[in-house]
Protein backbone atom coordinates (compact mmCIF):
# COMPACT_ATOMS: atom_id res chain seq x y z
CA MET A 1 12.25 -31.44 -33.13
CA ILE A 2 13.37 -28.08 -31.95
CA PRO A 3 9.78 -26.62 -32.08
CA TYR A 4 8.97 -29.28 -29.55
CA ARG A 5 11.81 -28.52 -27.49
CA ASN A 6 11.10 -24.60 -27.48
CA LEU A 7 7.61 -25.35 -26.68
CA ALA A 8 8.31 -27.39 -23.70
CA ILE A 9 10.84 -24.80 -22.34
CA GLY A 10 8.27 -21.99 -22.95
CA LEU A 11 5.39 -24.35 -20.64
CA VAL A 12 8.09 -24.62 -18.45
CA LEU A 13 9.10 -21.10 -17.77
CA VAL A 14 5.47 -20.47 -17.75
CA SER A 15 4.52 -22.79 -15.17
CA LEU A 16 7.24 -21.40 -13.08
CA VAL A 17 5.85 -17.77 -13.42
CA ALA A 18 2.57 -19.37 -12.49
CA CYS A 19 4.02 -20.41 -9.53
CA THR A 20 5.38 -17.20 -8.43
CA PRO A 21 4.88 -16.73 -4.32
CA TRP A 22 5.00 -13.05 -4.85
CA THR A 23 2.31 -10.43 -6.35
CA ARG A 24 2.89 -6.81 -6.38
CA VAL A 25 0.09 -4.63 -4.40
CA ASP A 26 -2.30 -2.62 -6.39
CA GLN A 27 -5.17 -0.90 -5.98
CA SER A 28 -7.10 -3.69 -6.54
CA SER A 29 -5.35 -6.01 -4.29
CA ARG A 30 -4.56 -3.54 -1.52
CA THR A 31 -7.31 -4.28 0.83
CA GLU A 32 -6.89 -7.81 2.96
CA SER A 33 -8.56 -8.98 5.62
CA ARG A 34 -7.61 -12.13 7.88
CA ARG A 35 -9.94 -14.80 9.87
CA ASP A 36 -13.00 -12.68 9.55
CA ASP A 37 -10.85 -10.77 12.26
CA TYR A 38 -9.44 -7.53 10.95
CA THR A 39 -8.81 -5.67 7.66
CA LEU A 40 -5.87 -3.60 6.46
CA GLU A 41 -4.64 -2.01 3.62
CA LEU A 42 -1.02 -2.71 2.00
CA PRO A 43 1.06 -0.24 0.31
CA ILE A 44 0.68 0.03 -2.99
CA GLY A 45 3.86 -0.67 -5.14
CA TRP A 46 4.81 -3.21 -2.84
CA VAL A 47 4.72 -6.56 -3.39
CA LYS A 48 3.27 -9.55 -0.78
CA ARG A 49 4.30 -13.19 -0.31
CA THR A 50 1.58 -15.28 -1.14
CA ALA A 51 2.45 -18.45 0.41
CA ASP A 52 3.61 -17.42 3.90
CA SER A 53 3.27 -18.68 7.94
CA ASN A 54 2.37 -14.86 8.71
CA ASP A 55 -0.77 -13.29 7.89
CA PHE A 56 1.31 -10.96 5.77
CA PHE A 57 4.64 -10.46 4.20
CA VAL A 58 5.60 -7.52 2.21
CA THR A 59 8.31 -5.86 0.90
CA ARG A 60 9.60 -2.96 -1.30
CA ASP A 61 13.17 -3.52 -2.01
CA GLY A 62 13.49 -7.24 -1.14
CA PRO A 63 13.24 -8.90 2.08
CA ALA A 64 17.16 -8.14 2.67
CA LEU A 65 16.17 -4.44 2.66
CA ASN A 66 12.87 -3.98 4.11
CA TYR A 67 9.89 -5.83 5.00
CA ILE A 68 6.49 -5.62 7.07
CA VAL A 69 5.28 -8.62 8.53
CA VAL A 70 2.02 -8.77 10.19
CA ASN A 71 1.15 -11.91 12.52
CA ARG A 72 -2.09 -12.87 14.45
CA GLN A 73 -1.29 -15.79 17.44
CA PRO A 74 -3.22 -17.08 20.03
CA HIS A 75 -2.43 -16.82 23.69
CA ASP A 76 -1.30 -20.37 23.99
CA ARG A 77 1.03 -19.97 21.41
CA LYS A 78 4.46 -19.63 23.07
CA LEU A 79 6.88 -17.28 21.53
CA PRO A 80 9.93 -18.94 19.81
CA ARG A 81 12.64 -18.28 21.84
CA THR A 82 11.50 -16.86 25.24
CA LYS A 83 8.64 -19.67 25.67
CA ARG A 84 6.12 -16.97 27.09
CA GLU A 85 2.59 -17.06 26.51
CA THR A 86 0.29 -13.56 26.16
CA ARG A 87 -3.09 -12.94 28.16
CA ALA A 88 -6.10 -11.17 27.06
CA ASP A 89 -5.60 -8.81 29.84
CA MET A 90 -2.08 -7.99 29.84
CA LEU A 91 -1.37 -4.41 29.22
CA PRO A 92 0.32 -3.00 26.56
CA HIS A 93 4.11 -2.32 28.31
CA GLU A 94 3.77 -5.83 29.24
CA LEU A 95 3.44 -6.71 26.03
CA ALA A 96 6.50 -4.50 25.01
CA GLU A 97 8.63 -6.10 27.63
CA LEU A 98 8.15 -9.61 26.26
CA ALA A 99 8.89 -8.47 22.63
CA ILE A 100 11.91 -7.21 23.73
CA ALA A 101 13.03 -10.15 25.70
CA GLU A 102 12.12 -12.25 22.76
CA TRP A 103 14.59 -10.00 20.59
CA LYS A 104 17.23 -10.03 22.94
CA SER A 105 17.58 -13.61 23.09
CA SER A 106 18.13 -13.85 19.60
CA GLU A 107 21.73 -13.77 18.72
CA ALA A 108 20.64 -11.67 15.96
CA THR A 109 19.67 -8.84 17.99
CA ALA A 110 20.90 -9.48 21.17
CA ASN A 111 22.70 -5.95 21.05
CA LEU A 112 19.34 -3.83 20.29
CA GLU A 113 18.88 -0.75 21.82
CA VAL A 114 15.60 0.83 22.71
CA LEU A 115 14.80 4.04 20.97
CA SER A 116 11.22 4.23 22.09
CA ASN A 117 9.00 2.08 23.98
CA THR A 118 5.35 4.14 23.85
CA PRO A 119 1.76 3.63 24.21
CA ALA A 120 -0.38 3.67 20.75
CA GLN A 121 -3.48 2.59 19.57
CA LEU A 122 -4.57 0.27 16.83
CA ASP A 123 -8.14 0.87 15.61
CA GLY A 124 -9.07 2.47 19.10
CA LYS A 125 -7.74 -0.35 20.80
CA PRO A 126 -4.72 -0.04 23.29
CA ALA A 127 -1.30 -1.02 22.19
CA VAL A 128 2.07 -0.83 22.24
CA ARG A 129 4.90 0.77 19.56
CA VAL A 130 8.26 -0.12 20.13
CA HIS A 131 11.15 1.09 18.25
CA ILE A 132 14.66 -0.48 18.40
CA ARG A 133 18.28 -0.44 16.32
CA TYR A 134 20.72 -3.11 16.29
CA LYS A 135 23.59 -4.06 13.96
CA ASN A 136 23.55 -7.08 11.81
CA ASP A 137 26.72 -9.28 11.77
CA ARG A 138 28.16 -7.14 9.35
CA GLY A 139 27.91 -4.21 11.53
CA LEU A 140 25.28 -2.68 9.51
CA PRO A 141 22.83 -0.66 11.33
CA ILE A 142 19.13 -2.15 11.32
CA GLU A 143 15.51 -0.40 12.49
CA ARG A 144 12.56 -1.76 13.68
CA VAL A 145 9.49 -0.93 14.73
CA MET A 146 6.65 -2.97 16.20
CA LEU A 147 2.99 -2.04 16.91
CA GLY A 148 1.65 -4.64 19.06
CA MET A 149 -1.41 -5.50 20.94
CA VAL A 150 -3.50 -8.26 22.96
CA ASP A 151 -7.62 -8.85 22.92
CA ALA A 152 -9.44 -11.65 23.59
CA LYS A 153 -8.92 -13.21 20.32
CA GLY A 154 -4.91 -13.43 21.01
CA ARG A 155 -1.98 -11.14 20.05
CA LEU A 156 -1.49 -9.10 17.15
CA SER A 157 2.02 -7.34 15.95
CA ILE A 158 2.69 -5.55 12.88
CA LEU A 159 6.63 -5.39 12.35
CA TYR A 160 8.20 -3.17 10.45
CA GLU A 161 12.37 -3.86 9.34
CA ALA A 162 14.94 -1.68 7.15
CA PRO A 163 18.59 -0.93 7.22
CA ALA A 164 19.00 2.62 9.03
CA ILE A 165 20.85 3.98 6.41
CA VAL A 166 18.24 5.28 3.62
CA TYR A 167 15.60 2.05 3.42
CA PHE A 168 14.22 2.78 6.93
CA GLN A 169 12.97 6.34 6.08
CA ARG A 170 11.82 5.24 2.99
CA GLY A 171 9.11 2.90 3.91
CA LEU A 172 8.52 4.33 7.25
CA ALA A 173 5.29 6.06 6.12
CA ASP A 174 4.14 3.21 3.77
CA PHE A 175 4.05 1.43 7.19
CA GLU A 176 2.38 4.10 9.05
CA ALA A 177 -0.24 4.18 6.77
CA MET A 178 -0.78 0.74 7.06
CA VAL A 179 -0.57 0.75 10.71
CA ALA A 180 -3.57 3.50 10.37
CA SER A 181 -5.56 1.50 8.24
CA VAL A 182 -6.03 -1.60 10.44
CA ARG A 183 -9.90 -2.13 11.39
CA PHE A 184 -11.20 -4.80 13.41
CA ARG A 185 -14.23 -6.32 13.17
């Protein structure tokens, strides 16, 4: 009787591991593409969530400590809080204003401080880079950097967030490398 019980427990454990929503990024799984639209390289050693509503969600030390999220949305998909839409002819600084307004409308990031708001490029396309800092409900300073752009297909944002103490700087180079790897088709 006991061997069957051990077998049953083993099978349950194996099936749970097989359904895990996270996979480690290695050299063979680094390059990703979405919707015949763009490709990018995920940071090696981070883990990616395999079932997510975003295009990509990766973390190095766990979502509470740092993460990078990539999201491509059509222009008519309204931003969740401000209910505003983007347009293909939007200028990068207009996209930055929308992002900041969206973040300020959230109770979690309402106290944000804009550290920088500068023009940037994603694979040669005009973009914006917004860097903010806010304090979470426990008073811990959190930093967030977003590179965003709009084109005829919609809006694309690549966002990195981590506590300002240690974790932000630790993952920033990986984020920058990921942004530099973006290629549009």
